[in-house]
Amino acid sequence: MKTLIPTLAIAFFLSFLSERRSSRRLNEFGQPEYVRKDRFFFFLMAFAMAFFVGLRTRGNDTLAYRIMYENQTPGTNPIQMLTSMKIASSPGLYFLAACLKNIGATTQDYFMACAMFTILTYLWFLRKHTTDIWLSVFYFITMGVYTFTMAAIKQTLAVAFLLIATDRAFDRKWLKYFLWVAVAELFHPYAFVYLVVPFLSFCPWSRKTWYLLAGTVAAALFLPRLMDVIGDMTDALGYDYDEDAFTGGGVNTFRVIAQENTPYTVNILTKSVEMELRGSESREQNMIVNLSMINSVIMFIGLFGTANYFARLANYFLMFQCLALPMILQKFDRQSERTLRFLSEVGFLGFFYYGTAVAQGKFDVNFSFISVSEFLDQLFKG
């Protein structure tokens, strides 16, 4: 984990400076809201975090993406590749690889380009919609959103496009929303799950929320039939999934409790907070909280012996946990907010340590990186 520490220390420090340079005021509900958000320190932080991800040479799915890129033939027509491949084969990824290969980009350049687009888009969305810059960045790191970008290029690229789509949905720009969802679908076939976004503007903790929770319980109880449906869907998309991909060991219980359900556990501690949420939430905030609930719903199903498939699916919506929890904490009185904030910071630090140093083995063993000087030498030598 020591490989991560310098980058994380820089990220925490710069996000703290960004928060300090931003200014707030109390809104009509007596809650702080931003008048101005710092740009300089925030984007300096975002660039540093993206640059670090782009330097990796090994870890999780990195080798598979390395082989894919190195097998690309220079001179391949990207448009032809895009139009000739099945959606299930992620043609957008091969289109991007062909474009970069044709201009002489190395494998490390490919990783860097993907990292820059993914991380900068994630953090652009976070900065634009957060109610607390420092805390959202803290959750972005400790909930595992940041480290996941080092593992699954296809999915995180798709999520980056989907965040752009969601930003358009907040403003009811539906044509642009559907366009960006379509682009995301070219990179990962399950991007279509974001088609649910337009239907999530209802107030959290209303009757519709309980319908959603009831549906989750039903899905868990009738899991075998659900697996048959998912199997038919994946066959239709061109995938050949083994049943074990869905019915293997369940998602880690500690992850579900600590990471996925914290916003709701915090919120139901007091009925007055619930009522305040119902009275003051904007359409955008309603959608953020409901999207974060989808993350929890999927992970809850994953407890019932459905392996890592649902964990990956839940990661489509994990970003919204980073926005929902600070938003909910602000609904408490000042003393309660400070207490819950401190407890969440300690808890998520522990969860992050557990996830990177215990559950998945030592981070430093699984991941390797080149130095900045090595990357620059390769860049200019090429």
Protein backbone atom coordinates (compact mmCIF):
# COMPACT_ATOMS: atom_id res chain seq x y z
CA MET A 1 0.00 0.00 0.00
CA LYS A 2 3.01 2.28 0.40
CA THR A 3 2.99 2.86 -3.38
CA LEU A 4 -0.35 4.61 -3.02
CA ILE A 5 0.48 6.72 0.03
CA PRO A 6 2.32 9.63 -1.69
CA THR A 7 -0.43 10.07 -4.29
CA LEU A 8 -3.19 9.85 -1.70
CA ALA A 9 -1.40 12.32 0.58
CA ILE A 10 -1.15 14.80 -2.33
CA ALA A 11 -4.83 14.23 -3.19
CA PHE A 12 -6.03 14.78 0.38
CA PHE A 13 -3.88 17.88 0.79
CA LEU A 14 -4.93 19.49 -2.50
CA SER A 15 -8.61 18.70 -1.92
CA PHE A 16 -8.29 20.33 1.51
CA LEU A 17 -6.81 23.44 -0.11
CA SER A 18 -9.56 23.38 -2.73
CA GLU A 19 -12.20 23.27 -0.01
CA ARG A 20 -10.53 26.12 1.87
CA ARG A 21 -10.36 28.31 -1.24
CA SER A 22 -14.03 27.75 -2.01
CA SER A 23 -16.71 29.94 -0.45
CA ARG A 24 -20.16 29.05 0.91
CA ARG A 25 -23.32 30.62 2.25
CA LEU A 26 -26.43 29.33 4.00
CA ASN A 27 -29.40 28.60 1.74
CA GLU A 28 -33.08 29.08 2.59
CA PHE A 29 -33.09 25.81 4.51
CA GLY A 30 -30.15 26.87 6.68
CA GLN A 31 -27.75 24.49 4.96
CA PRO A 32 -24.37 25.53 3.51
CA GLU A 33 -24.08 25.69 -0.25
CA TYR A 34 -21.24 26.77 -2.51
CA VAL A 35 -21.11 30.27 -3.92
CA ARG A 36 -17.79 29.59 -5.59
CA LYS A 37 -15.80 26.38 -6.02
CA ASP A 38 -12.04 26.41 -6.35
CA ARG A 39 -10.70 25.21 -9.68
CA PHE A 40 -6.92 25.50 -9.48
CA PHE A 41 -6.14 23.15 -6.60
CA PHE A 42 -8.95 20.76 -7.52
CA PHE A 43 -7.79 20.20 -11.08
CA LEU A 44 -4.17 20.04 -9.95
CA MET A 45 -5.27 17.22 -7.66
CA ALA A 46 -7.28 15.55 -10.43
CA PHE A 47 -4.33 15.66 -12.82
CA ALA A 48 -1.96 14.17 -10.21
CA MET A 49 -4.40 11.32 -9.46
CA ALA A 50 -4.95 10.60 -13.16
CA PHE A 51 -1.23 10.70 -13.92
CA PHE A 52 -0.53 8.11 -11.22
CA VAL A 53 -3.16 5.72 -12.64
CA GLY A 54 -1.67 6.14 -16.11
CA LEU A 55 1.77 5.05 -14.88
CA ARG A 56 0.69 1.54 -13.90
CA THR A 57 2.16 -1.44 -15.75
CA ARG A 58 0.55 -4.33 -13.89
CA GLY A 59 -2.48 -5.06 -11.72
CA ASN A 60 -5.87 -6.73 -11.98
CA ASP A 61 -7.03 -6.57 -15.64
CA THR A 62 -4.10 -4.41 -16.80
CA LEU A 63 -2.29 -7.31 -18.49
CA ALA A 64 -5.36 -8.21 -20.58
CA TYR A 65 -5.65 -4.62 -21.80
CA ARG A 66 -1.92 -4.52 -22.52
CA ILE A 67 -2.17 -7.63 -24.68
CA MET A 68 -5.25 -6.28 -26.45
CA TYR A 69 -3.53 -3.01 -27.33
CA GLU A 70 -0.24 -4.58 -28.38
CA ASN A 71 -2.11 -6.97 -30.69
CA GLN A 72 -3.64 -4.04 -32.58
CA THR A 73 -2.19 -3.65 -36.07
CA PRO A 74 -1.05 -0.12 -37.02
CA GLY A 75 -3.01 1.21 -39.98
CA THR A 76 -6.29 -0.44 -39.01
CA ASN A 77 -9.32 1.61 -40.01
CA PRO A 78 -10.98 2.63 -36.69
CA ILE A 79 -14.37 3.29 -38.31
CA GLN A 80 -14.43 -0.12 -39.94
CA MET A 81 -13.57 -1.73 -36.61
CA LEU A 82 -16.31 0.24 -34.88
CA THR A 83 -18.98 -0.79 -37.36
CA SER A 84 -17.98 -4.43 -37.83
CA MET A 85 -17.88 -5.56 -34.21
CA LYS A 86 -20.78 -6.67 -32.01
CA ILE A 87 -21.84 -4.34 -29.21
CA ALA A 88 -20.99 -7.08 -26.72
CA SER A 89 -17.36 -6.96 -27.88
CA SER A 90 -16.87 -3.34 -26.73
CA PRO A 91 -16.12 -1.85 -30.18
CA GLY A 92 -15.53 1.59 -28.66
CA LEU A 93 -12.49 0.30 -26.82
CA TYR A 94 -11.00 -1.14 -30.00
CA PHE A 95 -11.86 2.05 -31.89
CA LEU A 96 -9.92 4.06 -29.30
CA ALA A 97 -7.01 1.60 -29.39
CA ALA A 98 -6.86 1.74 -33.21
CA CYS A 99 -6.86 5.55 -33.20
CA LEU A 100 -4.01 5.70 -30.68
CA LYS A 101 -2.06 2.92 -32.40
CA ASN A 102 -2.28 4.75 -35.73
CA ILE A 103 -0.61 7.85 -34.29
CA GLY A 104 2.21 5.79 -32.79
CA ALA A 105 1.09 5.79 -29.16
CA THR A 106 2.78 3.21 -26.93
CA THR A 107 0.94 0.91 -24.56
CA GLN A 108 1.80 3.24 -21.70
CA ASP A 109 0.43 6.18 -23.70
CA TYR A 110 -2.78 4.18 -24.10
CA PHE A 111 -3.05 3.62 -20.34
CA MET A 112 -2.31 7.29 -19.71
CA ALA A 113 -4.93 8.51 -22.19
CA CYS A 114 -7.61 6.26 -20.64
CA ALA A 115 -6.62 7.32 -17.13
CA MET A 116 -6.71 11.03 -17.95
CA PHE A 117 -10.14 10.87 -19.54
CA THR A 118 -11.62 8.62 -16.86
CA ILE A 119 -10.28 10.31 -13.73
CA LEU A 120 -10.72 13.87 -14.98
CA THR A 121 -14.32 13.13 -16.01
CA TYR A 122 -15.11 11.42 -12.70
CA LEU A 123 -13.70 14.31 -10.71
CA TRP A 124 -15.28 16.96 -12.95
CA PHE A 125 -18.65 15.40 -12.20
CA LEU A 126 -17.84 15.12 -8.50
CA ARG A 127 -16.75 18.76 -8.22
CA LYS A 128 -19.79 20.01 -10.10
CA HIS A 129 -22.37 18.17 -8.00
CA THR A 130 -20.83 17.74 -4.54
CA THR A 131 -21.98 19.59 -1.46
CA ASP A 132 -18.59 19.06 0.21
CA ILE A 133 -15.46 18.90 -1.97
CA TRP A 134 -13.05 17.48 0.59
CA LEU A 135 -15.44 14.85 1.93
CA SER A 136 -16.52 13.66 -1.52
CA VAL A 137 -12.89 13.30 -2.62
CA PHE A 138 -12.20 11.43 0.62
CA TYR A 139 -15.05 8.99 -0.13
CA PHE A 140 -14.00 8.78 -3.79
CA ILE A 141 -10.71 7.34 -2.58
CA THR A 142 -11.71 5.34 0.47
CA MET A 143 -14.84 3.75 -1.07
CA GLY A 144 -12.60 2.32 -3.77
CA VAL A 145 -13.82 4.32 -6.78
CA TYR A 146 -10.30 5.59 -7.44
CA THR A 147 -8.54 2.22 -7.21
CA PHE A 148 -11.22 0.58 -9.36
CA THR A 149 -10.15 2.82 -12.26
CA MET A 150 -6.85 0.94 -12.21
CA ALA A 151 -8.61 -2.37 -12.75
CA ALA A 152 -11.41 -2.17 -15.33
CA ILE A 153 -10.68 0.19 -18.22
CA LYS A 154 -13.75 -0.75 -20.28
CA GLN A 155 -16.20 -0.25 -17.46
CA THR A 156 -14.65 2.92 -16.05
CA LEU A 157 -14.51 4.50 -19.50
CA ALA A 158 -18.19 3.63 -19.92
CA VAL A 159 -19.02 5.10 -16.51
CA ALA A 160 -17.19 8.31 -17.43
CA PHE A 161 -19.46 8.72 -20.46
CA LEU A 162 -22.47 7.80 -18.32
CA LEU A 163 -21.60 10.52 -15.81
CA ILE A 164 -21.65 13.02 -18.67
CA ALA A 165 -25.02 11.58 -19.68
CA THR A 166 -26.34 11.89 -16.11
CA ASP A 167 -25.20 15.50 -15.94
CA ARG A 168 -27.32 16.17 -19.02
CA ALA A 169 -30.25 14.28 -17.48
CA PHE A 170 -30.14 16.57 -14.44
CA ASP A 171 -30.90 19.45 -16.84
CA ARG A 172 -33.48 17.42 -18.82
CA LYS A 173 -31.33 17.54 -21.96
CA TRP A 174 -32.61 14.16 -23.05
CA LEU A 175 -31.20 14.02 -26.57
CA LYS A 176 -27.67 14.56 -25.26
CA TYR A 177 -28.35 12.14 -22.42
CA PHE A 178 -29.33 9.29 -24.77
CA LEU A 179 -26.42 10.12 -27.08
CA TRP A 180 -23.87 9.75 -24.27
CA VAL A 181 -25.51 6.53 -23.03
CA ALA A 182 -25.17 5.16 -26.57
CA VAL A 183 -21.47 6.09 -26.62
CA ALA A 184 -20.98 4.38 -23.24
CA GLU A 185 -22.69 1.26 -24.59
CA LEU A 186 -19.90 0.98 -27.19
CA PHE A 187 -17.38 0.55 -24.37
CA HIS A 188 -19.28 -1.78 -22.04
CA PRO A 189 -22.49 -3.68 -22.84
CA TYR A 190 -24.11 -3.13 -19.46
CA ALA A 191 -24.08 0.65 -19.80
CA PHE A 192 -27.75 0.39 -20.72
CA VAL A 193 -28.56 0.09 -17.00
CA TYR A 194 -28.38 3.90 -16.91
CA LEU A 195 -31.58 4.06 -18.92
CA VAL A 196 -33.26 3.99 -15.52
CA VAL A 197 -31.94 7.48 -14.69
CA PRO A 198 -34.90 9.49 -16.09
CA PHE A 199 -37.27 7.65 -13.74
CA LEU A 200 -35.37 8.44 -10.53
CA SER A 201 -36.33 12.04 -9.83
CA PHE A 202 -38.85 11.06 -7.13
CA CYS A 203 -38.22 12.06 -3.55
CA PRO A 204 -36.04 9.59 -1.61
CA TRP A 205 -37.72 7.67 1.21
CA SER A 206 -41.11 8.10 -0.40
CA ARG A 207 -43.45 5.21 -1.19
CA LYS A 208 -41.59 4.55 -4.44
CA THR A 209 -38.41 3.97 -2.46
CA TRP A 210 -40.08 1.22 -0.49
CA TYR A 211 -41.22 -0.36 -3.74
CA LEU A 212 -37.60 -0.35 -4.81
CA LEU A 213 -36.48 -2.00 -1.57
CA ALA A 214 -39.27 -4.56 -1.80
CA GLY A 215 -38.16 -5.37 -5.33
CA THR A 216 -34.64 -5.94 -4.03
CA VAL A 217 -35.83 -8.45 -1.43
CA ALA A 218 -37.95 -10.23 -4.05
CA ALA A 219 -34.96 -10.41 -6.40
CA ALA A 220 -32.85 -11.98 -3.64
CA LEU A 221 -35.55 -14.55 -2.74
CA PHE A 222 -36.13 -15.57 -6.37
CA LEU A 223 -32.49 -15.48 -7.36
CA PRO A 224 -32.41 -18.75 -9.36
CA ARG A 225 -35.07 -17.47 -11.76
CA LEU A 226 -33.29 -14.14 -11.96
CA MET A 227 -30.12 -15.96 -13.01
CA ASP A 228 -32.00 -17.60 -15.88
CA VAL A 229 -33.17 -14.19 -17.11
CA ILE A 230 -29.68 -12.70 -16.83
CA GLY A 231 -28.27 -15.71 -18.65
CA ASP A 232 -30.68 -15.14 -21.53
CA MET A 233 -29.73 -11.45 -21.63
CA THR A 234 -26.01 -12.16 -21.75
CA ASP A 235 -26.48 -14.76 -24.49
CA ALA A 236 -28.42 -12.21 -26.52
CA LEU A 237 -25.60 -9.73 -26.11
CA GLY A 238 -23.07 -12.23 -27.40
CA TYR A 239 -21.49 -13.22 -24.08
CA ASP A 240 -20.79 -16.78 -23.01
CA TYR A 241 -20.95 -16.61 -19.23
CA ASP A 242 -20.56 -19.67 -17.08
CA GLU A 243 -23.26 -20.06 -14.44
CA ASP A 244 -20.54 -19.88 -11.77
CA ALA A 245 -19.96 -16.26 -12.74
CA PHE A 246 -23.34 -15.55 -11.16
CA THR A 247 -23.67 -18.21 -8.48
CA GLY A 248 -20.20 -18.29 -6.94
CA GLY A 249 -19.27 -16.95 -3.52
CA GLY A 250 -21.30 -13.98 -2.37
CA VAL A 251 -20.12 -10.41 -2.13
CA ASN A 252 -18.16 -9.60 1.01
CA THR A 253 -20.64 -8.78 3.78
CA PHE A 254 -18.35 -6.18 5.33
CA ARG A 255 -18.22 -4.33 2.03
CA VAL A 256 -22.01 -4.21 1.76
CA ILE A 257 -22.47 -2.95 5.32
CA ALA A 258 -19.61 -0.46 5.39
CA GLN A 259 -19.54 0.82 1.84
CA GLU A 260 -22.91 0.45 0.22
CA ASN A 261 -25.48 1.07 2.95
CA THR A 262 -23.87 3.75 5.10
CA PRO A 263 -25.85 6.67 3.58
CA TYR A 264 -29.14 5.02 4.47
CA THR A 265 -28.05 3.82 7.88
CA VAL A 266 -27.00 7.39 8.67
CA ASN A 267 -30.19 8.89 7.35
CA ILE A 268 -32.69 6.72 9.26
CA LEU A 269 -31.11 7.60 12.61
CA THR A 270 -33.57 10.45 12.99
CA LYS A 271 -37.02 11.03 11.54
CA SER A 272 -36.54 14.80 11.48
CA VAL A 273 -33.72 14.41 8.99
CA GLU A 274 -35.94 12.27 6.79
CA MET A 275 -38.65 14.91 6.79
CA GLU A 276 -36.13 17.62 6.02
CA LEU A 277 -34.87 15.67 3.04
CA ARG A 278 -38.40 15.33 1.72
CA GLY A 279 -38.99 19.03 1.99
CA SER A 280 -35.81 20.51 0.58
CA GLU A 281 -34.21 18.22 -1.98
CA SER A 282 -33.78 19.41 -5.53
CA ARG A 283 -34.46 17.16 -8.48
CA GLU A 284 -30.71 16.70 -8.96
CA GLN A 285 -30.17 15.65 -5.36
CA ASN A 286 -33.15 13.29 -5.50
CA MET A 287 -31.59 11.54 -8.47
CA ILE A 288 -28.17 11.34 -6.81
CA VAL A 289 -29.58 9.71 -3.68
CA ASN A 290 -31.75 7.30 -5.67
CA LEU A 291 -28.81 6.33 -7.90
CA SER A 292 -26.72 5.64 -4.84
CA MET A 293 -29.54 3.45 -3.56
CA ILE A 294 -29.36 1.36 -6.75
CA ASN A 295 -25.73 0.70 -5.85
CA SER A 296 -26.84 -0.59 -2.44
CA VAL A 297 -29.68 -2.64 -3.90
CA ILE A 298 -27.39 -4.48 -6.32
CA MET A 299 -24.80 -5.15 -3.63
CA PHE A 300 -27.52 -6.45 -1.32
CA ILE A 301 -28.50 -9.01 -3.96
CA GLY A 302 -24.81 -9.92 -4.15
CA LEU A 303 -24.93 -11.16 -0.56
CA PHE A 304 -27.00 -14.14 -1.69
CA GLY A 305 -24.25 -16.07 -3.43
CA THR A 306 -23.95 -14.18 -6.71
CA ALA A 307 -20.21 -13.58 -6.83
CA ASN A 308 -18.37 -10.63 -8.29
CA TYR A 309 -20.73 -10.08 -11.21
CA PHE A 310 -23.03 -7.97 -9.07
CA ALA A 311 -20.08 -6.20 -7.44
CA ARG A 312 -18.96 -5.05 -10.88
CA LEU A 313 -22.51 -4.07 -11.80
CA ALA A 314 -22.85 -2.09 -8.56
CA ASN A 315 -19.70 -0.16 -9.41
CA TYR A 316 -21.64 1.55 -12.16
CA PHE A 317 -23.37 3.54 -9.41
CA LEU A 318 -20.71 3.70 -6.70
CA MET A 319 -19.76 7.25 -7.64
CA PHE A 320 -23.12 8.48 -6.36
CA GLN A 321 -22.36 7.22 -2.86
CA CYS A 322 -19.52 9.76 -2.77
CA LEU A 323 -22.06 12.53 -3.41
CA ALA A 324 -25.05 11.23 -1.45
CA LEU A 325 -23.37 10.74 1.93
CA PRO A 326 -22.02 14.32 2.33
CA MET A 327 -25.41 15.59 1.18
CA ILE A 328 -27.24 13.54 3.81
CA LEU A 329 -24.81 14.44 6.59
CA GLN A 330 -25.53 18.14 6.02
CA LYS A 331 -29.16 17.54 7.01
CA PHE A 332 -28.19 16.90 10.63
CA ASP A 333 -27.60 19.55 13.24
CA ARG A 334 -24.03 20.78 13.46
CA GLN A 335 -22.95 18.62 16.40
CA SER A 336 -24.49 15.44 15.00
CA GLU A 337 -22.97 16.14 11.60
CA ARG A 338 -19.48 16.51 13.08
CA THR A 339 -19.82 13.28 15.04
CA LEU A 340 -21.16 11.26 12.11
CA ARG A 341 -18.63 12.80 9.76
CA PHE A 342 -15.75 11.81 12.05
CA LEU A 343 -17.10 8.29 12.46
CA SER A 344 -17.52 7.90 8.70
CA GLU A 345 -13.97 9.14 8.04
CA VAL A 346 -12.49 6.67 10.52
CA GLY A 347 -14.72 3.87 9.27
CA PHE A 348 -13.99 4.37 5.60
CA LEU A 349 -10.24 4.66 6.23
CA GLY A 350 -10.49 1.28 7.91
CA PHE A 351 -12.54 -0.08 5.02
CA PHE A 352 -9.99 1.25 2.50
CA TYR A 353 -7.11 -0.35 4.38
CA TYR A 354 -9.05 -3.61 4.58
CA GLY A 355 -9.85 -3.52 0.86
CA THR A 356 -6.34 -2.70 -0.36
CA ALA A 357 -4.13 -4.45 2.18
CA VAL A 358 -6.19 -7.40 3.45
CA ALA A 359 -9.12 -8.57 1.31
CA GLN A 360 -7.37 -8.22 -2.07
CA GLY A 361 -3.85 -8.92 -0.87
CA LYS A 362 -1.20 -6.28 -0.63
CA PHE A 363 -1.69 -3.52 -3.20
CA ASP A 364 2.07 -3.20 -3.77
CA VAL A 365 2.28 -6.88 -4.68
CA ASN A 366 -0.56 -6.80 -7.20
CA PHE A 367 0.22 -3.46 -8.87
CA SER A 368 3.40 -2.05 -10.36
CA PHE A 369 4.19 1.34 -11.90
CA ILE A 370 6.89 3.00 -13.95
CA SER A 371 8.48 6.22 -12.76
CA VAL A 372 7.61 9.63 -14.17
CA SER A 373 11.05 9.88 -15.78
CA GLU A 374 10.59 6.48 -17.45
CA PHE A 375 7.23 7.54 -18.83
CA LEU A 376 8.61 10.81 -20.19
CA ASP A 377 11.55 8.98 -21.76
CA GLN A 378 9.14 6.61 -23.52
CA LEU A 379 6.88 9.47 -24.57
CA PHE A 380 9.56 11.60 -26.19
CA LYS A 381 11.54 8.65 -27.51
CA GLY A 382 8.43 7.48 -29.34
